[in-house]
Amino acid sequence: MGLFDSLSRGLKRSREALNEIFYFGGEVDESFWEDLEDTLVMGDMGADIAMSVSDDLRDLAAKNNLKTARQLREALAERLEETFTAPSADPFSETPSVVLFVGINGAGKTTTVGKIASAAAREGKRCVIGSADTFRAAAIEQLDVWGERAGVPVVKRERGADPASVCYDVLDVADREGTDLVLIDTAGRLHTSADLMRELAKVVNVTRKRASKCAGGPMPVHVVLVIDAATGQNGLNQAIEFNEALGLDGVIMTKLDGTAKGGIAMAVASRLKLPILRIGVGEQVEDLQRFDARAFCRALVGCDD
């Protein structure tokens, strides 16, 4: 199944809601624009973005005499696509690179690390995983399984160890072996806990210092937030807090597989100007795919591929 088909399946809830207002007859009246704005808000985009998109589309429709559902769908998809920020670099394909995965519990960080490691190994990249979630025993075991399956080494310490020390260890291994890609899983934490966020900032700082001293030259460090797309507008609050504490470089959206509305991707991209690097549209390794703004917006709105 291609990306567009996967997205169409995953964004079914929002697309069906938009379908209800696009099945109209006659002229586009005031109630259409009110319904469109309400539907966008309910799709987790947030009121500000929904209002801006709706107003822009109304102006474009008047200027270009757009009246049919097909014309308006196409124009809406193009307007939504403008919301997204294109990444200046892809930390998973442009190596050497160190990526720290952060986010709240249950967002899918550990699984995401495993899928990216598997994909990197298939591409012939020399990859190593750092298990810096030292508080959840299951996280270490999960990474061991992913590492064994992909043939990727996992650097870890005992449960309860200092996570910053794991980051230092994994950079030692990467430096010694000339690794292309370093993937570091961190413990999930609530974005509302100042103490936990300060601890995570320490982990990031230690990683940056060690990565700057690699024998083969400094390795760039990227901090990537993993968000469960089904969390809705709370995902935006997470992104704001993590960005303020750590200075994020990008976002990965997981679980876009039928329960999410999809608008949170636009809310984060618009508010923080952060690129969406990958999206998860299923359980398999190949279901974690590079984000394509055009395909995403067309699937969301219900345009043809």
C-alpha atoms as a PDB file:
ATOM      1  CA  MET A   1       0.000   0.000   0.000  1.00  0.00           C
ATOM      2  CA  GLY A   2       1.422   3.394  -1.034  1.00  0.00           C
ATOM      3  CA  LEU A   3       1.758   6.448   1.190  1.00  0.00           C
ATOM      4  CA  PHE A   4      -1.331   8.165  -0.231  1.00  0.00           C
ATOM      5  CA  ASP A   5      -3.508   5.080   0.283  1.00  0.00           C
ATOM      6  CA  SER A   6      -2.166   4.634   3.824  1.00  0.00           C
ATOM      7  CA  LEU A   7      -2.849   8.254   4.643  1.00  0.00           C
ATOM      8  CA  SER A   8      -6.337   8.077   3.144  1.00  0.00           C
ATOM      9  CA  ARG A   9      -7.055   5.134   5.410  1.00  0.00           C
ATOM     10  CA  GLY A  10      -5.512   6.788   8.456  1.00  0.00           C
ATOM     11  CA  LEU A  11      -7.160  10.192   7.987  1.00  0.00           C
ATOM     12  CA  LYS A  12     -10.605   8.735   7.378  1.00  0.00           C
ATOM     13  CA  ARG A  13     -12.270  10.577  10.277  1.00  0.00           C
ATOM     14  CA  SER A  14     -11.318  14.069   9.111  1.00  0.00           C
ATOM     15  CA  ARG A  15     -11.964  13.292   5.454  1.00  0.00           C
ATOM     16  CA  GLU A  16     -15.461  11.980   6.184  1.00  0.00           C
ATOM     17  CA  ALA A  17     -16.249  15.106   8.208  1.00  0.00           C
ATOM     18  CA  LEU A  18     -15.157  17.298   5.288  1.00  0.00           C
ATOM     19  CA  ASN A  19     -17.132  15.141   2.856  1.00  0.00           C
ATOM     20  CA  GLU A  20     -20.334  16.104   4.641  1.00  0.00           C
ATOM     21  CA  ILE A  21     -19.861  19.798   3.885  1.00  0.00           C
ATOM     22  CA  PHE A  22     -18.527  19.289   0.353  1.00  0.00           C
ATOM     23  CA  TYR A  23     -21.656  17.413  -0.717  1.00  0.00           C
ATOM     24  CA  PHE A  24     -23.643  20.521  -1.494  1.00  0.00           C
ATOM     25  CA  GLY A  25     -25.728  21.774  -4.407  1.00  0.00           C
ATOM     26  CA  GLY A  26     -26.111  25.232  -5.906  1.00  0.00           C
ATOM     27  CA  GLU A  27     -24.102  28.237  -4.719  1.00  0.00           C
ATOM     28  CA  VAL A  28     -21.515  28.246  -1.983  1.00  0.00           C
ATOM     29  CA  ASP A  29     -23.288  30.170   0.772  1.00  0.00           C
ATOM     30  CA  GLU A  30     -22.333  31.561   4.168  1.00  0.00           C
ATOM     31  CA  SER A  31     -23.285  28.374   5.980  1.00  0.00           C
ATOM     32  CA  PHE A  32     -20.728  26.439   3.896  1.00  0.00           C
ATOM     33  CA  TRP A  33     -17.888  28.655   5.147  1.00  0.00           C
ATOM     34  CA  GLU A  34     -19.094  28.426   8.741  1.00  0.00           C
ATOM     35  CA  ASP A  35     -19.318  24.647   8.497  1.00  0.00           C
ATOM     36  CA  LEU A  36     -15.860  24.458   6.928  1.00  0.00           C
ATOM     37  CA  GLU A  37     -14.284  26.471   9.724  1.00  0.00           C
ATOM     38  CA  ASP A  38     -16.042  24.397  12.403  1.00  0.00           C
ATOM     39  CA  THR A  39     -14.966  21.136  10.752  1.00  0.00           C
ATOM     40  CA  LEU A  40     -11.335  22.241  10.585  1.00  0.00           C
ATOM     41  CA  VAL A  41     -11.415  23.179  14.266  1.00  0.00           C
ATOM     42  CA  MET A  42     -12.894  19.782  15.138  1.00  0.00           C
ATOM     43  CA  GLY A  43     -10.101  18.174  13.117  1.00  0.00           C
ATOM     44  CA  ASP A  44      -7.571  19.347  15.749  1.00  0.00           C
ATOM     45  CA  MET A  45      -6.105  22.241  13.740  1.00  0.00           C
ATOM     46  CA  GLY A  46      -7.039  24.838  16.314  1.00  0.00           C
ATOM     47  CA  ALA A  47      -9.253  27.889  15.929  1.00  0.00           C
ATOM     48  CA  ASP A  48      -6.585  30.298  14.633  1.00  0.00           C
ATOM     49  CA  ILE A  49      -5.444  28.060  11.798  1.00  0.00           C
ATOM     50  CA  ALA A  50      -8.995  27.017  10.914  1.00  0.00           C
ATOM     51  CA  MET A  51     -10.102  30.646  10.696  1.00  0.00           C
ATOM     52  CA  SER A  52      -7.084  31.675   8.630  1.00  0.00           C
ATOM     53  CA  VAL A  53      -7.469  28.770   6.198  1.00  0.00           C
ATOM     54  CA  SER A  54     -11.196  29.298   5.840  1.00  0.00           C
ATOM     55  CA  ASP A  55     -10.807  33.052   5.225  1.00  0.00           C
ATOM     56  CA  ASP A  56      -8.042  32.506   2.665  1.00  0.00           C
ATOM     57  CA  LEU A  57     -10.092  29.905   0.824  1.00  0.00           C
ATOM     58  CA  ARG A  58     -13.138  32.177   0.799  1.00  0.00           C
ATOM     59  CA  ASP A  59     -11.080  34.984  -0.757  1.00  0.00           C
ATOM     60  CA  LEU A  60      -9.579  32.616  -3.327  1.00  0.00           C
ATOM     61  CA  ALA A  61     -12.994  31.214  -4.229  1.00  0.00           C
ATOM     62  CA  ALA A  62     -14.375  34.705  -4.821  1.00  0.00           C
ATOM     63  CA  LYS A  63     -11.332  35.790  -6.828  1.00  0.00           C
ATOM     64  CA  ASN A  64     -11.176  32.698  -9.054  1.00  0.00           C
ATOM     65  CA  ASN A  65     -14.902  31.877  -9.123  1.00  0.00           C
ATOM     66  CA  LEU A  66     -14.441  28.479  -7.454  1.00  0.00           C
ATOM     67  CA  LYS A  67     -17.841  26.863  -6.970  1.00  0.00           C
ATOM     68  CA  THR A  68     -17.655  23.104  -7.388  1.00  0.00           C
ATOM     69  CA  ALA A  69     -16.700  20.684  -4.655  1.00  0.00           C
ATOM     70  CA  ARG A  70     -13.735  19.476  -6.700  1.00  0.00           C
ATOM     71  CA  GLN A  71     -12.394  23.007  -7.192  1.00  0.00           C
ATOM     72  CA  LEU A  72     -12.746  23.830  -3.512  1.00  0.00           C
ATOM     73  CA  ARG A  73     -11.152  20.563  -2.381  1.00  0.00           C
ATOM     74  CA  GLU A  74      -8.122  21.167  -4.585  1.00  0.00           C
ATOM     75  CA  ALA A  75      -7.780  24.760  -3.358  1.00  0.00           C
ATOM     76  CA  LEU A  76      -8.149  23.685   0.283  1.00  0.00           C
ATOM     77  CA  ALA A  77      -5.461  21.006  -0.080  1.00  0.00           C
ATOM     78  CA  GLU A  78      -3.054  23.521  -1.633  1.00  0.00           C
ATOM     79  CA  ARG A  79      -3.724  26.059   1.131  1.00  0.00           C
ATOM     80  CA  LEU A  80      -3.160  23.475   3.874  1.00  0.00           C
ATOM     81  CA  GLU A  81       0.089  22.372   2.248  1.00  0.00           C
ATOM     82  CA  GLU A  82       1.431  25.906   2.703  1.00  0.00           C
ATOM     83  CA  THR A  83       1.216  25.413   6.474  1.00  0.00           C
ATOM     84  CA  PHE A  84       4.117  22.979   6.599  1.00  0.00           C
ATOM     85  CA  THR A  85       7.803  23.750   6.953  1.00  0.00           C
ATOM     86  CA  ALA A  86      10.153  21.779   4.724  1.00  0.00           C
ATOM     87  CA  PRO A  87      13.127  20.278   6.622  1.00  0.00           C
ATOM     88  CA  SER A  88      16.484  21.883   5.872  1.00  0.00           C
ATOM     89  CA  ALA A  89      18.055  18.437   6.331  1.00  0.00           C
ATOM     90  CA  ASP A  90      16.901  14.896   7.031  1.00  0.00           C
ATOM     91  CA  PRO A  91      18.844  13.649  10.078  1.00  0.00           C
ATOM     92  CA  PHE A  92      18.074  10.014   9.217  1.00  0.00           C
ATOM     93  CA  SER A  93      19.472  10.028   5.689  1.00  0.00           C
ATOM     94  CA  GLU A  94      22.066  12.822   5.815  1.00  0.00           C
ATOM     95  CA  THR A  95      24.757  11.336   7.997  1.00  0.00           C
ATOM     96  CA  PRO A  96      26.774  11.296  10.193  1.00  0.00           C
ATOM     97  CA  SER A  97      24.022  12.226  12.569  1.00  0.00           C
ATOM     98  CA  VAL A  98      22.937  11.797  16.181  1.00  0.00           C
ATOM     99  CA  VAL A  99      19.198  11.838  16.921  1.00  0.00           C
ATOM    100  CA  LEU A 100      17.699  12.088  20.411  1.00  0.00           C
ATOM    101  CA  PHE A 101      14.060  11.006  20.580  1.00  0.00           C
ATOM    102  CA  VAL A 102      11.958  12.790  23.218  1.00  0.00           C
ATOM    103  CA  GLY A 103       8.288  12.854  24.161  1.00  0.00           C
ATOM    104  CA  ILE A 104       5.737  11.750  26.718  1.00  0.00           C
ATOM    105  CA  ASN A 105       5.089   8.136  27.729  1.00  0.00           C
ATOM    106  CA  GLY A 106       3.158   6.135  25.187  1.00  0.00           C
ATOM    107  CA  ALA A 107       3.925   8.322  22.175  1.00  0.00           C
ATOM    108  CA  GLY A 108       5.810   5.520  20.439  1.00  0.00           C
ATOM    109  CA  LYS A 109       9.438   6.620  20.855  1.00  0.00           C
ATOM    110  CA  THR A 110      10.970   3.189  21.390  1.00  0.00           C
ATOM    111  CA  THR A 111       9.120   1.585  18.490  1.00  0.00           C
ATOM    112  CA  THR A 112      10.023   4.541  16.275  1.00  0.00           C
ATOM    113  CA  VAL A 113      13.715   4.176  17.151  1.00  0.00           C
ATOM    114  CA  GLY A 114      13.534   0.497  16.275  1.00  0.00           C
ATOM    115  CA  LYS A 115      11.832   1.092  12.929  1.00  0.00           C
ATOM    116  CA  ILE A 116      14.324   3.784  11.908  1.00  0.00           C
ATOM    117  CA  ALA A 117      17.246   1.582  12.942  1.00  0.00           C
ATOM    118  CA  SER A 118      15.844  -1.266  10.840  1.00  0.00           C
ATOM    119  CA  ALA A 119      15.380   0.998   7.834  1.00  0.00           C
ATOM    120  CA  ALA A 120      18.905   2.427   8.211  1.00  0.00           C
ATOM    121  CA  ALA A 121      20.433  -1.051   8.429  1.00  0.00           C
ATOM    122  CA  ARG A 122      18.612  -2.096   5.258  1.00  0.00           C
ATOM    123  CA  GLU A 123      20.076   0.941   3.502  1.00  0.00           C
ATOM    124  CA  GLY A 124      23.572  -0.144   4.498  1.00  0.00           C
ATOM    125  CA  LYS A 125      24.142   2.550   7.125  1.00  0.00           C
ATOM    126  CA  ARG A 126      26.284   1.780  10.170  1.00  0.00           C
ATOM    127  CA  CYS A 127      23.837   2.431  12.987  1.00  0.00           C
ATOM    128  CA  VAL A 128      23.895   2.146  16.787  1.00  0.00           C
ATOM    129  CA  ILE A 129      21.063   2.529  19.309  1.00  0.00           C
ATOM    130  CA  GLY A 130      21.416   4.116  22.742  1.00  0.00           C
ATOM    131  CA  SER A 131      18.940   2.934  25.378  1.00  0.00           C
ATOM    132  CA  ALA A 132      18.791   6.041  27.565  1.00  0.00           C
ATOM    133  CA  ASP A 133      15.343   5.210  28.921  1.00  0.00           C
ATOM    134  CA  THR A 134      16.821   3.623  32.020  1.00  0.00           C
ATOM    135  CA  PHE A 135      13.625   3.854  34.077  1.00  0.00           C
ATOM    136  CA  ARG A 136      11.394   1.512  32.059  1.00  0.00           C
ATOM    137  CA  ALA A 137      12.765  -2.010  31.848  1.00  0.00           C
ATOM    138  CA  ALA A 138      10.454  -2.821  28.931  1.00  0.00           C
ATOM    139  CA  ALA A 139      12.070  -0.065  26.868  1.00  0.00           C
ATOM    140  CA  ILE A 140      15.509  -1.715  27.131  1.00  0.00           C
ATOM    141  CA  GLU A 141      14.036  -5.117  26.269  1.00  0.00           C
ATOM    142  CA  GLN A 142      12.139  -3.664  23.310  1.00  0.00           C
ATOM    143  CA  LEU A 143      15.277  -2.082  21.899  1.00  0.00           C
ATOM    144  CA  ASP A 144      17.183  -5.338  22.363  1.00  0.00           C
ATOM    145  CA  VAL A 145      14.562  -7.085  20.222  1.00  0.00           C
ATOM    146  CA  TRP A 146      14.659  -4.371  17.553  1.00  0.00           C
ATOM    147  CA  GLY A 147      18.456  -4.317  17.569  1.00  0.00           C
ATOM    148  CA  GLU A 148      18.726  -8.092  17.220  1.00  0.00           C
ATOM    149  CA  ARG A 149      16.151  -8.128  14.432  1.00  0.00           C
ATOM    150  CA  ALA A 150      17.940  -5.364  12.497  1.00  0.00           C
ATOM    151  CA  GLY A 151      21.489  -6.422  13.304  1.00  0.00           C
ATOM    152  CA  VAL A 152      22.094  -3.089  15.060  1.00  0.00           C
ATOM    153  CA  PRO A 153      24.038  -2.916  18.359  1.00  0.00           C
ATOM    154  CA  VAL A 154      22.270  -1.506  21.419  1.00  0.00           C
ATOM    155  CA  VAL A 155      24.283   0.353  24.054  1.00  0.00           C
ATOM    156  CA  LYS A 156      22.698   0.216  27.507  1.00  0.00           C
ATOM    157  CA  ARG A 157      23.317   0.260  31.230  1.00  0.00           C
ATOM    158  CA  GLU A 158      21.492  -1.231  34.161  1.00  0.00           C
ATOM    159  CA  ARG A 159      18.012  -0.039  35.040  1.00  0.00           C
ATOM    160  CA  GLY A 160      18.088   3.208  37.018  1.00  0.00           C
ATOM    161  CA  ALA A 161      21.464   4.337  35.646  1.00  0.00           C
ATOM    162  CA  ASP A 162      22.103   7.953  34.720  1.00  0.00           C
ATOM    163  CA  PRO A 163      20.661   8.390  31.191  1.00  0.00           C
ATOM    164  CA  ALA A 164      23.335  10.960  30.325  1.00  0.00           C
ATOM    165  CA  SER A 165      26.001   8.300  30.941  1.00  0.00           C
ATOM    166  CA  VAL A 166      24.309   6.047  28.367  1.00  0.00           C
ATOM    167  CA  CYS A 167      24.469   8.871  25.828  1.00  0.00           C
ATOM    168  CA  TYR A 168      28.161   9.292  26.549  1.00  0.00           C
ATOM    169  CA  ASP A 169      28.715   5.545  26.161  1.00  0.00           C
ATOM    170  CA  VAL A 170      26.908   5.323  22.832  1.00  0.00           C
ATOM    171  CA  LEU A 171      28.900   8.262  21.432  1.00  0.00           C
ATOM    172  CA  ASP A 172      32.104   6.496  22.525  1.00  0.00           C
ATOM    173  CA  VAL A 173      31.030   3.459  20.505  1.00  0.00           C
ATOM    174  CA  ALA A 174      30.033   5.566  17.513  1.00  0.00           C
ATOM    175  CA  ASP A 175      33.317   7.472  17.621  1.00  0.00           C
ATOM    176  CA  ARG A 176      35.383   4.322  17.854  1.00  0.00           C
ATOM    177  CA  GLU A 177      33.555   2.445  15.088  1.00  0.00           C
ATOM    178  CA  GLY A 178      32.863   5.286  12.664  1.00  0.00           C
ATOM    179  CA  THR A 179      29.094   4.984  12.944  1.00  0.00           C
ATOM    180  CA  ASP A 180      26.867   6.835  10.472  1.00  0.00           C
ATOM    181  CA  LEU A 181      23.695   7.140  12.532  1.00  0.00           C
ATOM    182  CA  VAL A 182      23.232   7.228  16.322  1.00  0.00           C
ATOM    183  CA  LEU A 183      19.657   6.832  17.616  1.00  0.00           C
ATOM    184  CA  ILE A 184      19.045   7.541  21.312  1.00  0.00           C
ATOM    185  CA  ASP A 185      15.791   6.633  23.054  1.00  0.00           C
ATOM    186  CA  THR A 186      15.004   8.734  26.144  1.00  0.00           C
ATOM    187  CA  ALA A 187      12.545   8.165  28.954  1.00  0.00           C
ATOM    188  CA  GLY A 188       9.022   9.448  28.471  1.00  0.00           C
ATOM    189  CA  ARG A 189       8.182  12.373  30.677  1.00  0.00           C
ATOM    190  CA  LEU A 190       5.349  14.803  31.167  1.00  0.00           C
ATOM    191  CA  HIS A 191       6.062  18.142  29.524  1.00  0.00           C
ATOM    192  CA  THR A 192       4.532  19.811  32.600  1.00  0.00           C
ATOM    193  CA  SER A 193       7.270  18.545  34.946  1.00  0.00           C
ATOM    194  CA  ALA A 194      10.001  21.190  35.226  1.00  0.00           C
ATOM    195  CA  ASP A 195      12.399  18.817  37.044  1.00  0.00           C
ATOM    196  CA  LEU A 196      12.120  16.090  34.412  1.00  0.00           C
ATOM    197  CA  MET A 197      12.548  18.592  31.594  1.00  0.00           C
ATOM    198  CA  ARG A 198      15.702  19.973  33.236  1.00  0.00           C
ATOM    199  CA  GLU A 199      17.051  16.434  33.498  1.00  0.00           C
ATOM    200  CA  LEU A 200      16.345  15.903  29.802  1.00  0.00           C
ATOM    201  CA  ALA A 201      18.101  19.177  28.951  1.00  0.00           C
ATOM    202  CA  LYS A 202      21.171  17.786  30.771  1.00  0.00           C
ATOM    203  CA  VAL A 203      21.003  14.642  28.623  1.00  0.00           C
ATOM    204  CA  VAL A 204      20.891  16.759  25.464  1.00  0.00           C
ATOM    205  CA  ASN A 205      23.811  18.926  26.612  1.00  0.00           C
ATOM    206  CA  VAL A 206      26.007  15.917  27.483  1.00  0.00           C
ATOM    207  CA  THR A 207      25.241  14.375  24.098  1.00  0.00           C
ATOM    208  CA  ARG A 208      26.109  17.585  22.246  1.00  0.00           C
ATOM    209  CA  LYS A 209      29.417  17.976  24.110  1.00  0.00           C
ATOM    210  CA  ARG A 210      30.518  14.402  23.452  1.00  0.00           C
ATOM    211  CA  ALA A 211      29.376  14.486  19.814  1.00  0.00           C
ATOM    212  CA  SER A 212      31.415  17.649  19.231  1.00  0.00           C
ATOM    213  CA  LYS A 213      34.628  15.800  20.128  1.00  0.00           C
ATOM    214  CA  CYS A 214      34.407  12.794  17.810  1.00  0.00           C
ATOM    215  CA  ALA A 215      37.729  11.887  16.207  1.00  0.00           C
ATOM    216  CA  GLY A 216      36.262  11.973  12.720  1.00  0.00           C
ATOM    217  CA  GLY A 217      34.825  15.428  13.281  1.00  0.00           C
ATOM    218  CA  PRO A 218      31.800  16.782  15.169  1.00  0.00           C
ATOM    219  CA  MET A 219      28.563  14.850  14.705  1.00  0.00           C
ATOM    220  CA  PRO A 220      25.463  17.051  14.494  1.00  0.00           C
ATOM    221  CA  VAL A 221      22.879  16.333  17.191  1.00  0.00           C
ATOM    222  CA  HIS A 222      19.155  16.588  16.404  1.00  0.00           C
ATOM    223  CA  VAL A 223      16.380  16.576  19.003  1.00  0.00           C
ATOM    224  CA  VAL A 224      13.195  15.072  17.605  1.00  0.00           C
ATOM    225  CA  LEU A 225       9.827  15.043  19.380  1.00  0.00           C
ATOM    226  CA  VAL A 226       7.608  11.994  18.917  1.00  0.00           C
ATOM    227  CA  ILE A 227       3.887  12.797  19.188  1.00  0.00           C
ATOM    228  CA  ASP A 228       0.926  10.438  19.182  1.00  0.00           C
ATOM    229  CA  ALA A 229      -1.344  12.077  16.586  1.00  0.00           C
ATOM    230  CA  ALA A 230      -4.427  10.852  18.434  1.00  0.00           C
ATOM    231  CA  THR A 231      -3.688  13.154  21.393  1.00  0.00           C
ATOM    232  CA  GLY A 232      -5.156  16.109  19.487  1.00  0.00           C
ATOM    233  CA  GLN A 233      -4.517  19.623  20.702  1.00  0.00           C
ATOM    234  CA  ASN A 234      -2.619  18.336  23.742  1.00  0.00           C
ATOM    235  CA  GLY A 235       0.062  17.379  21.243  1.00  0.00           C
ATOM    236  CA  LEU A 236       0.551  21.067  20.477  1.00  0.00           C
ATOM    237  CA  ASN A 237       1.038  21.824  24.174  1.00  0.00           C
ATOM    238  CA  GLN A 238       3.635  19.045  24.353  1.00  0.00           C
ATOM    239  CA  ALA A 239       5.477  20.451  21.350  1.00  0.00           C
ATOM    240  CA  ILE A 240       5.522  23.973  22.782  1.00  0.00           C
ATOM    241  CA  GLU A 241       6.923  22.857  26.143  1.00  0.00           C
ATOM    242  CA  PHE A 242       9.531  20.497  24.723  1.00  0.00           C
ATOM    243  CA  ASN A 243      10.615  23.104  22.187  1.00  0.00           C
ATOM    244  CA  GLU A 244      11.046  25.783  24.844  1.00  0.00           C
ATOM    245  CA  ALA A 245      13.086  23.426  27.054  1.00  0.00           C
ATOM    246  CA  LEU A 246      15.236  21.748  24.406  1.00  0.00           C
ATOM    247  CA  GLY A 247      15.054  23.579  21.080  1.00  0.00           C
ATOM    248  CA  LEU A 248      13.521  20.905  18.847  1.00  0.00           C
ATOM    249  CA  ASP A 249      14.749  20.169  15.337  1.00  0.00           C
ATOM    250  CA  GLY A 250      11.727  18.267  14.095  1.00  0.00           C
ATOM    251  CA  VAL A 251       8.700  16.126  14.860  1.00  0.00           C
ATOM    252  CA  ILE A 252       7.591  12.573  14.173  1.00  0.00           C
ATOM    253  CA  MET A 253       3.841  11.887  14.201  1.00  0.00           C
ATOM    254  CA  THR A 254       2.858   8.346  15.147  1.00  0.00           C
ATOM    255  CA  LYS A 255      -0.434   6.432  15.034  1.00  0.00           C
ATOM    256  CA  LEU A 256      -1.962   8.124  11.998  1.00  0.00           C
ATOM    257  CA  ASP A 257      -3.816   4.903  11.367  1.00  0.00           C
ATOM    258  CA  GLY A 258      -7.499   5.614  11.807  1.00  0.00           C
ATOM    259  CA  THR A 259      -7.962   7.098  15.289  1.00  0.00           C
ATOM    260  CA  ALA A 260      -6.274  10.460  14.642  1.00  0.00           C
ATOM    261  CA  LYS A 261      -7.836  13.461  12.919  1.00  0.00           C
ATOM    262  CA  GLY A 262      -4.575  14.749  11.462  1.00  0.00           C
ATOM    263  CA  GLY A 263      -5.006  18.445  12.118  1.00  0.00           C
ATOM    264  CA  ILE A 264      -2.494  18.404  14.958  1.00  0.00           C
ATOM    265  CA  ALA A 265       0.267  18.078  12.344  1.00  0.00           C
ATOM    266  CA  MET A 266      -0.757  21.447  10.926  1.00  0.00           C
ATOM    267  CA  ALA A 267      -1.127  23.011  14.359  1.00  0.00           C
ATOM    268  CA  VAL A 268       2.452  22.074  15.338  1.00  0.00           C
ATOM    269  CA  ALA A 269       3.924  23.042  11.971  1.00  0.00           C
ATOM    270  CA  SER A 270       2.152  26.390  11.937  1.00  0.00           C
ATOM    271  CA  ARG A 271       2.812  27.389  15.542  1.00  0.00           C
ATOM    272  CA  LEU A 272       6.434  26.252  15.867  1.00  0.00           C
ATOM    273  CA  LYS A 273       7.641  26.197  12.236  1.00  0.00           C
ATOM    274  CA  LEU A 274       9.058  22.732  12.857  1.00  0.00           C
ATOM    275  CA  PRO A 275       9.349  20.177  10.051  1.00  0.00           C
ATOM    276  CA  ILE A 276       7.487  16.875  10.270  1.00  0.00           C
ATOM    277  CA  LEU A 277      10.222  14.346   9.496  1.00  0.00           C
ATOM    278  CA  ARG A 278       8.327  11.051   9.553  1.00  0.00           C
ATOM    279  CA  ILE A 279       4.769   9.828  10.049  1.00  0.00           C
ATOM    280  CA  GLY A 280       3.597   6.460  11.294  1.00  0.00           C
ATOM    281  CA  VAL A 281       0.664   5.002   9.359  1.00  0.00           C
ATOM    282  CA  GLY A 282       0.769   1.415  10.647  1.00  0.00           C
ATOM    283  CA  GLU A 283       2.594  -1.227  12.649  1.00  0.00           C
ATOM    284  CA  GLN A 284       5.170  -2.412  10.118  1.00  0.00           C
ATOM    285  CA  VAL A 285       8.676  -0.991   9.635  1.00  0.00           C
ATOM    286  CA  GLU A 286       7.733   0.348   6.202  1.00  0.00           C
ATOM    287  CA  ASP A 287       4.723   2.144   7.703  1.00  0.00           C
ATOM    288  CA  LEU A 288       7.011   4.781   9.236  1.00  0.00           C
ATOM    289  CA  GLN A 289       7.443   6.956   6.171  1.00  0.00           C
ATOM    290  CA  ARG A 290       9.018  10.220   5.156  1.00  0.00           C
ATOM    291  CA  PHE A 291       6.450  13.017   5.460  1.00  0.00           C
ATOM    292  CA  ASP A 292       5.011  14.330   2.200  1.00  0.00           C
ATOM    293  CA  ALA A 293       2.977  17.505   2.804  1.00  0.00           C
ATOM    294  CA  ARG A 294       1.185  17.330  -0.540  1.00  0.00           C
ATOM    295  CA  ALA A 295       0.107  13.697  -0.128  1.00  0.00           C
ATOM    296  CA  PHE A 296      -0.922  14.342   3.486  1.00  0.00           C
ATOM    297  CA  CYS A 297      -3.125  17.342   2.649  1.00  0.00           C
ATOM    298  CA  ARG A 298      -4.729  15.699  -0.376  1.00  0.00           C
ATOM    299  CA  ALA A 299      -5.556  12.589   1.634  1.00  0.00           C
ATOM    300  CA  LEU A 300      -6.923  14.715   4.469  1.00  0.00           C
ATOM    301  CA  VAL A 301      -9.200  16.731   2.182  1.00  0.00           C
ATOM    302  CA  GLY A 302     -10.237  13.812  -0.022  1.00  0.00           C
ATOM    303  CA  CYS A 303      -8.625  14.741  -3.342  1.00  0.00           C
ATOM    304  CA  ASP A 304      -7.712  12.070  -5.845  1.00  0.00           C
ATOM    305  CA  ASP A 305      -4.131  10.819  -5.769  1.00  0.00           C
END
